[in-house]
PDB file of N, CA and C in Angstrom:
ATOM      1  N   MET A   1       1.859  12.517  -1.189  1.00  0.00           N
ATOM      2  CA  MET A   1       0.895  12.478  -2.261  1.00  0.00           C
ATOM      3  C   MET A   1       1.342  13.474  -3.323  1.00  0.00           C
ATOM      4  N   SER A   2       1.364  13.043  -4.541  1.00  0.00           N
ATOM      5  CA  SER A   2       1.743  13.955  -5.610  1.00  0.00           C
ATOM      6  C   SER A   2       0.574  14.101  -6.585  1.00  0.00           C
ATOM      7  N   TYR A   3       0.628  15.157  -7.333  1.00  0.00           N
ATOM      8  CA  TYR A   3      -0.434  15.479  -8.277  1.00  0.00           C
ATOM      9  C   TYR A   3       0.158  15.623  -9.674  1.00  0.00           C
ATOM     10  N   GLN A   4      -0.674  15.378 -10.679  1.00  0.00           N
ATOM     11  CA  GLN A   4      -0.224  15.515 -12.060  1.00  0.00           C
ATOM     12  C   GLN A   4      -1.315  16.180 -12.884  1.00  0.00           C
ATOM     13  N   CYS A   5      -0.887  17.116 -13.708  1.00  0.00           N
ATOM     14  CA  CYS A   5      -1.813  17.801 -14.605  1.00  0.00           C
ATOM     15  C   CYS A   5      -2.104  16.893 -15.796  1.00  0.00           C
ATOM     16  N   GLY A   6      -3.370  16.764 -16.138  1.00  0.00           N
ATOM     17  CA  GLY A   6      -3.756  15.925 -17.263  1.00  0.00           C
ATOM     18  C   GLY A   6      -3.506  16.576 -18.610  1.00  0.00           C
ATOM     19  N   ASP A   7      -3.315  17.892 -18.629  1.00  0.00           N
ATOM     20  CA  ASP A   7      -3.108  18.591 -19.894  1.00  0.00           C
ATOM     21  C   ASP A   7      -1.633  18.744 -20.256  1.00  0.00           C
ATOM     22  N   CYS A   8      -0.819  19.183 -19.292  1.00  0.00           N
ATOM     23  CA  CYS A   8       0.591  19.435 -19.616  1.00  0.00           C
ATOM     24  C   CYS A   8       1.546  18.458 -18.928  1.00  0.00           C
ATOM     25  N   SER A   9       1.026  17.531 -18.127  1.00  0.00           N
ATOM     26  CA  SER A   9       1.804  16.503 -17.422  1.00  0.00           C
ATOM     27  C   SER A   9       2.729  17.054 -16.349  1.00  0.00           C
ATOM     28  N   TYR A  10       2.483  18.276 -15.915  1.00  0.00           N
ATOM     29  CA  TYR A  10       3.266  18.841 -14.813  1.00  0.00           C
ATOM     30  C   TYR A  10       2.982  18.042 -13.549  1.00  0.00           C
ATOM     31  N   GLN A  11       4.044  17.735 -12.783  1.00  0.00           N
ATOM     32  CA  GLN A  11       3.883  17.004 -11.529  1.00  0.00           C
ATOM     33  C   GLN A  11       4.374  17.859 -10.380  1.00  0.00           C
ATOM     34  N   GLY A  12       3.650  17.811  -9.284  1.00  0.00           N
ATOM     35  CA  GLY A  12       4.054  18.558  -8.107  1.00  0.00           C
ATOM     36  C   GLY A  12       3.356  18.044  -6.873  1.00  0.00           C
ATOM     37  N   LYS A  13       3.839  18.491  -5.719  1.00  0.00           N
ATOM     38  CA  LYS A  13       3.240  18.063  -4.456  1.00  0.00           C
ATOM     39  C   LYS A  13       1.992  18.863  -4.129  1.00  0.00           C
ATOM     40  N   GLN A  14       1.910  20.089  -4.605  1.00  0.00           N
ATOM     41  CA  GLN A  14       0.743  20.927  -4.339  1.00  0.00           C
ATOM     42  C   GLN A  14       0.330  21.653  -5.614  1.00  0.00           C
ATOM     43  N   PHE A  15      -0.963  21.762  -5.781  1.00  0.00           N
ATOM     44  CA  PHE A  15      -1.502  22.577  -6.864  1.00  0.00           C
ATOM     45  C   PHE A  15      -2.399  23.618  -6.198  1.00  0.00           C
ATOM     46  N   PRO A  16      -1.927  24.853  -6.101  1.00  0.00           N
ATOM     47  CA  PRO A  16      -2.705  25.874  -5.400  1.00  0.00           C
ATOM     48  C   PRO A  16      -4.075  26.077  -6.040  1.00  0.00           C
ATOM     49  N   ASN A  17      -5.092  26.129  -5.219  1.00  0.00           N
ATOM     50  CA  ASN A  17      -6.477  26.340  -5.658  1.00  0.00           C
ATOM     51  C   ASN A  17      -6.949  25.274  -6.643  1.00  0.00           C
ATOM     52  N   GLY A  18      -6.295  24.128  -6.679  1.00  0.00           N
ATOM     53  CA  GLY A  18      -6.713  23.042  -7.555  1.00  0.00           C
ATOM     54  C   GLY A  18      -6.370  23.236  -9.014  1.00  0.00           C
ATOM     55  N   ALA A  19      -5.550  24.229  -9.324  1.00  0.00           N
ATOM     56  CA  ALA A  19      -5.175  24.493 -10.714  1.00  0.00           C
ATOM     57  C   ALA A  19      -3.687  24.229 -10.910  1.00  0.00           C
ATOM     58  N   CYS A  20      -3.334  23.804 -12.092  1.00  0.00           N
ATOM     59  CA  CYS A  20      -1.939  23.540 -12.427  1.00  0.00           C
ATOM     60  C   CYS A  20      -1.161  24.857 -12.460  1.00  0.00           C
ATOM     61  N   PRO A  21      -0.026  24.932 -11.757  1.00  0.00           N
ATOM     62  CA  PRO A  21       0.742  26.177 -11.781  1.00  0.00           C
ATOM     63  C   PRO A  21       1.414  26.437 -13.129  1.00  0.00           C
ATOM     64  N   ALA A  22       1.598  25.410 -13.941  1.00  0.00           N
ATOM     65  CA  ALA A  22       2.274  25.594 -15.226  1.00  0.00           C
ATOM     66  C   ALA A  22       1.327  26.113 -16.308  1.00  0.00           C
ATOM     67  N   CYS A  23       0.131  25.513 -16.404  1.00  0.00           N
ATOM     68  CA  CYS A  23      -0.762  25.900 -17.504  1.00  0.00           C
ATOM     69  C   CYS A  23      -2.102  26.454 -17.029  1.00  0.00           C
ATOM     70  N   GLY A  24      -2.396  26.339 -15.737  1.00  0.00           N
ATOM     71  CA  GLY A  24      -3.645  26.874 -15.205  1.00  0.00           C
ATOM     72  C   GLY A  24      -4.841  25.953 -15.358  1.00  0.00           C
ATOM     73  N   SER A  25      -4.636  24.786 -15.914  1.00  0.00           N
ATOM     74  CA  SER A  25      -5.728  23.841 -16.118  1.00  0.00           C
ATOM     75  C   SER A  25      -6.210  23.278 -14.784  1.00  0.00           C
ATOM     76  N   ARG A  26      -7.470  22.895 -14.744  1.00  0.00           N
ATOM     77  CA  ARG A  26      -8.024  22.260 -13.545  1.00  0.00           C
ATOM     78  C   ARG A  26      -8.149  20.749 -13.726  1.00  0.00           C
ATOM     79  N   ASN A  27      -7.563  20.227 -14.781  1.00  0.00           N
ATOM     80  CA  ASN A  27      -7.568  18.790 -15.048  1.00  0.00           C
ATOM     81  C   ASN A  27      -6.407  18.150 -14.285  1.00  0.00           C
ATOM     82  N   VAL A  28      -6.575  18.052 -12.962  1.00  0.00           N
ATOM     83  CA  VAL A  28      -5.514  17.586 -12.073  1.00  0.00           C
ATOM     84  C   VAL A  28      -5.943  16.270 -11.442  1.00  0.00           C
ATOM     85  N   SER A  29      -5.018  15.322 -11.389  1.00  0.00           N
ATOM     86  CA  SER A  29      -5.317  14.047 -10.738  1.00  0.00           C
ATOM     87  C   SER A  29      -4.229  13.719  -9.729  1.00  0.00           C
ATOM     88  N   ARG A  30      -4.631  12.930  -8.751  1.00  0.00           N
ATOM     89  CA  ARG A  30      -3.701  12.497  -7.719  1.00  0.00           C
ATOM     90  C   ARG A  30      -3.091  11.177  -8.123  1.00  0.00           C
ATOM     91  N   SER A  31      -1.798  11.038  -7.924  1.00  0.00           N
ATOM     92  CA  SER A  31      -1.172   9.740  -8.157  1.00  0.00           C
ATOM     93  C   SER A  31      -1.024   9.055  -6.813  1.00  0.00           C
ATOM     94  N   GLY A  32      -1.304   7.747  -6.771  1.00  0.00           N
ATOM     95  CA  GLY A  32      -1.332   7.011  -5.513  1.00  0.00           C
ATOM     96  C   GLY A  32       0.029   6.684  -4.948  1.00  0.00           C
ATOM     97  N   VAL A  33       1.036   6.561  -5.778  1.00  0.00           N
ATOM     98  CA  VAL A  33       2.358   6.166  -5.311  1.00  0.00           C
ATOM     99  C   VAL A  33       3.291   7.360  -5.427  1.00  0.00           C
ATOM    100  N   GLU A  34       3.987   7.625  -4.356  1.00  0.00           N
ATOM    101  CA  GLU A  34       4.965   8.709  -4.378  1.00  0.00           C
ATOM    102  C   GLU A  34       6.120   8.343  -5.301  1.00  0.00           C
ATOM    103  N   GLN A  35       6.634   9.315  -5.978  1.00  0.00           N
ATOM    104  CA  GLN A  35       7.742   9.090  -6.899  1.00  0.00           C
ATOM    105  C   GLN A  35       9.029   8.727  -6.165  1.00  0.00           C
ATOM    106  N   ASN A  36       9.239   9.295  -4.982  1.00  0.00           N
ATOM    107  CA  ASN A  36      10.509   9.101  -4.295  1.00  0.00           C
ATOM    108  C   ASN A  36      10.493   7.938  -3.310  1.00  0.00           C
ATOM    109  N   GLN A  37       9.399   7.196  -3.207  1.00  0.00           N
ATOM    110  CA  GLN A  37       9.364   6.043  -2.326  1.00  0.00           C
ATOM    111  C   GLN A  37       9.787   4.804  -3.103  1.00  0.00           C
ATOM    112  N   PRO A  38      10.768   4.075  -2.587  1.00  0.00           N
ATOM    113  CA  PRO A  38      11.218   2.876  -3.300  1.00  0.00           C
ATOM    114  C   PRO A  38      10.177   1.765  -3.215  1.00  0.00           C
ATOM    115  N   GLN A  39      10.064   1.010  -4.278  1.00  0.00           N
ATOM    116  CA  GLN A  39       9.158  -0.131  -4.307  1.00  0.00           C
ATOM    117  C   GLN A  39       9.831  -1.310  -3.612  1.00  0.00           C
ATOM    118  N   GLU A  40       9.027  -2.161  -2.975  1.00  0.00           N
ATOM    119  CA  GLU A  40       9.584  -3.351  -2.347  1.00  0.00           C
ATOM    120  C   GLU A  40       9.993  -4.341  -3.429  1.00  0.00           C
ATOM    121  N   SER A  41      11.099  -5.005  -3.204  1.00  0.00           N
ATOM    122  CA  SER A  41      11.547  -6.003  -4.169  1.00  0.00           C
ATOM    123  C   SER A  41      10.668  -7.247  -4.052  1.00  0.00           C
ATOM    124  N   GLU A  42      10.757  -8.102  -5.051  1.00  0.00           N
ATOM    125  CA  GLU A  42       9.968  -9.333  -5.032  1.00  0.00           C
ATOM    126  C   GLU A  42      10.383 -10.222  -3.865  1.00  0.00           C
ATOM    127  N   ALA A  43      11.662 -10.218  -3.537  1.00  0.00           N
ATOM    128  CA  ALA A  43      12.141 -11.027  -2.417  1.00  0.00           C
ATOM    129  C   ALA A  43      11.535 -10.539  -1.103  1.00  0.00           C
ATOM    130  N   THR A  44      11.439  -9.236  -0.941  1.00  0.00           N
ATOM    131  CA  THR A  44      10.851  -8.673   0.275  1.00  0.00           C
ATOM    132  C   THR A  44       9.363  -8.987   0.338  1.00  0.00           C
ATOM    133  N   GLN A  45       8.672  -8.885  -0.786  1.00  0.00           N
ATOM    134  CA  GLN A  45       7.248  -9.207  -0.811  1.00  0.00           C
ATOM    135  C   GLN A  45       7.022 -10.677  -0.470  1.00  0.00           C
ATOM    136  N   LEU A  46       7.862 -11.557  -1.004  1.00  0.00           N
ATOM    137  CA  LEU A  46       7.752 -12.983  -0.707  1.00  0.00           C
ATOM    138  C   LEU A  46       8.005 -13.242   0.775  1.00  0.00           C
ATOM    139  N   LYS A  47       8.980 -12.548   1.326  1.00  0.00           N
ATOM    140  CA  LYS A  47       9.295 -12.695   2.748  1.00  0.00           C
ATOM    141  C   LYS A  47       8.103 -12.286   3.608  1.00  0.00           C
ATOM    142  N   HIS A  48       7.436 -11.191   3.237  1.00  0.00           N
ATOM    143  CA  HIS A  48       6.255 -10.743   3.981  1.00  0.00           C
ATOM    144  C   HIS A  48       5.124 -11.774   3.887  1.00  0.00           C
ATOM    145  N   LYS A  49       4.939 -12.349   2.711  1.00  0.00           N
ATOM    146  CA  LYS A  49       3.889 -13.353   2.538  1.00  0.00           C
ATOM    147  C   LYS A  49       4.173 -14.593   3.379  1.00  0.00           C
ATOM    148  N   ILE A  50       5.425 -15.024   3.387  1.00  0.00           N
ATOM    149  CA  ILE A  50       5.797 -16.201   4.180  1.00  0.00           C
ATOM    150  C   ILE A  50       5.610 -15.918   5.664  1.00  0.00           C
ATOM    151  N   ASN A  51       6.008 -14.740   6.111  1.00  0.00           N
ATOM    152  CA  ASN A  51       5.820 -14.380   7.519  1.00  0.00           C
ATOM    153  C   ASN A  51       4.338 -14.387   7.888  1.00  0.00           C
ATOM    154  N   TYR A  52       3.502 -13.892   7.007  1.00  0.00           N
ATOM    155  CA  TYR A  52       2.059 -13.868   7.258  1.00  0.00           C
ATOM    156  C   TYR A  52       1.506 -15.291   7.346  1.00  0.00           C
ATOM    157  N   ILE A  53       1.932 -16.155   6.444  1.00  0.00           N
ATOM    158  CA  ILE A  53       1.460 -17.541   6.445  1.00  0.00           C
ATOM    159  C   ILE A  53       1.881 -18.249   7.729  1.00  0.00           C
ATOM    160  N   VAL A  54       3.116 -18.039   8.155  1.00  0.00           N
ATOM    161  CA  VAL A  54       3.598 -18.653   9.401  1.00  0.00           C
ATOM    162  C   VAL A  54       2.808 -18.113  10.591  1.00  0.00           C
ATOM    163  N   PHE A  55       2.528 -16.828  10.596  1.00  0.00           N
ATOM    164  CA  PHE A  55       1.760 -16.210  11.676  1.00  0.00           C
ATOM    165  C   PHE A  55       0.366 -16.822  11.774  1.00  0.00           C
ATOM    166  N   VAL A  56      -0.316 -16.920  10.648  1.00  0.00           N
ATOM    167  CA  VAL A  56      -1.669 -17.480  10.637  1.00  0.00           C
ATOM    168  C   VAL A  56      -1.639 -18.960  11.020  1.00  0.00           C
ATOM    169  N   ALA A  57      -0.684 -19.695  10.494  1.00  0.00           N
ATOM    170  CA  ALA A  57      -0.582 -21.119  10.813  1.00  0.00           C
ATOM    171  C   ALA A  57      -0.327 -21.330  12.304  1.00  0.00           C
ATOM    172  N   SER A  58       0.456 -20.475  12.911  1.00  0.00           N
ATOM    173  CA  SER A  58       0.730 -20.582  14.346  1.00  0.00           C
ATOM    174  C   SER A  58      -0.543 -20.379  15.161  1.00  0.00           C
ATOM    175  N   TRP A  59      -1.333 -19.383  14.808  1.00  0.00           N
ATOM    176  CA  TRP A  59      -2.580 -19.130  15.538  1.00  0.00           C
ATOM    177  C   TRP A  59      -3.589 -20.254  15.328  1.00  0.00           C
ATOM    178  N   VAL A  60      -3.658 -20.784  14.132  1.00  0.00           N
ATOM    179  CA  VAL A  60      -4.574 -21.898  13.869  1.00  0.00           C
ATOM    180  C   VAL A  60      -4.145 -23.119  14.679  1.00  0.00           C
ATOM    181  N   THR A  61      -2.857 -23.381  14.726  1.00  0.00           N
ATOM    182  CA  THR A  61      -2.348 -24.504  15.511  1.00  0.00           C
ATOM    183  C   THR A  61      -2.672 -24.323  16.987  1.00  0.00           C
ATOM    184  N   LEU A  62      -2.460 -23.139  17.503  1.00  0.00           N
ATOM    185  CA  LEU A  62      -2.778 -22.860  18.901  1.00  0.00           C
ATOM    186  C   LEU A  62      -4.268 -23.057  19.174  1.00  0.00           C
ATOM    187  N   ALA A  63      -5.105 -22.578  18.278  1.00  0.00           N
ATOM    188  CA  ALA A  63      -6.549 -22.735  18.454  1.00  0.00           C
ATOM    189  C   ALA A  63      -6.945 -24.208  18.451  1.00  0.00           C
ATOM    190  N   LEU A  64      -6.366 -24.988  17.560  1.00  0.00           N
ATOM    191  CA  LEU A  64      -6.681 -26.417  17.510  1.00  0.00           C
ATOM    192  C   LEU A  64      -6.217 -27.142  18.770  1.00  0.00           C
ATOM    193  N   ILE A  65      -5.061 -26.786  19.267  1.00  0.00           N
ATOM    194  CA  ILE A  65      -4.563 -27.396  20.505  1.00  0.00           C
ATOM    195  C   ILE A  65      -5.498 -27.081  21.665  1.00  0.00           C
ATOM    196  N   LEU A  66      -5.920 -25.831  21.763  1.00  0.00           N
ATOM    197  CA  LEU A  66      -6.824 -25.446  22.848  1.00  0.00           C
ATOM    198  C   LEU A  66      -8.180 -26.134  22.714  1.00  0.00           C
ATOM    199  N   LEU A  67      -8.699 -26.217  21.508  1.00  0.00           N
ATOM    200  CA  LEU A  67      -9.968 -26.920  21.301  1.00  0.00           C
ATOM    201  C   LEU A  67      -9.852 -28.380  21.712  1.00  0.00           C
ATOM    202  N   TYR A  68      -8.786 -29.008  21.316  1.00  0.00           N
ATOM    203  CA  TYR A  68      -8.578 -30.415  21.660  1.00  0.00           C
ATOM    204  C   TYR A  68      -8.463 -30.587  23.170  1.00  0.00           C
ATOM    205  N   LYS A  69      -7.683 -29.712  23.800  1.00  0.00           N
ATOM    206  CA  LYS A  69      -7.423 -29.839  25.229  1.00  0.00           C
ATOM    207  C   LYS A  69      -8.690 -29.627  26.058  1.00  0.00           C
ATOM    208  N   PHE A  70      -9.503 -28.646  25.715  1.00  0.00           N
ATOM    209  CA  PHE A  70     -10.641 -28.296  26.560  1.00  0.00           C
ATOM    210  C   PHE A  70     -11.957 -28.959  26.154  1.00  0.00           C
ATOM    211  N   PHE A  71     -12.094 -29.378  24.919  1.00  0.00           N
ATOM    212  CA  PHE A  71     -13.388 -29.897  24.491  1.00  0.00           C
ATOM    213  C   PHE A  71     -13.383 -31.370  24.108  1.00  0.00           C
ATOM    214  N   ILE A  72     -12.253 -31.897  23.755  1.00  0.00           N
ATOM    215  CA  ILE A  72     -12.227 -33.285  23.307  1.00  0.00           C
ATOM    216  C   ILE A  72     -11.758 -34.217  24.415  1.00  0.00           C
ATOM    217  N   GLU A  73     -10.821 -33.803  25.216  1.00  0.00           N
ATOM    218  CA  GLU A  73     -10.323 -34.672  26.293  1.00  0.00           C
ATOM    219  C   GLU A  73     -11.320 -34.806  27.402  1.00  0.00           C
TER     220      GLU A  73
END
């Protein structure tokens, strides 16, 4: 988790006592994404979505087979 000062734009991992070490301002906000973490590429995101769809489709198919086998036959 990183923090950024709203007044002087200083960025750091820690702001002691909630104040910016550069200017002393308390106008500090947390940024949600770490600067040093790489973003997933679009191809990787698409791959994850496809894997999720296949996973859900497999469970739905299994559920339908079981319903048919135990309740319809």
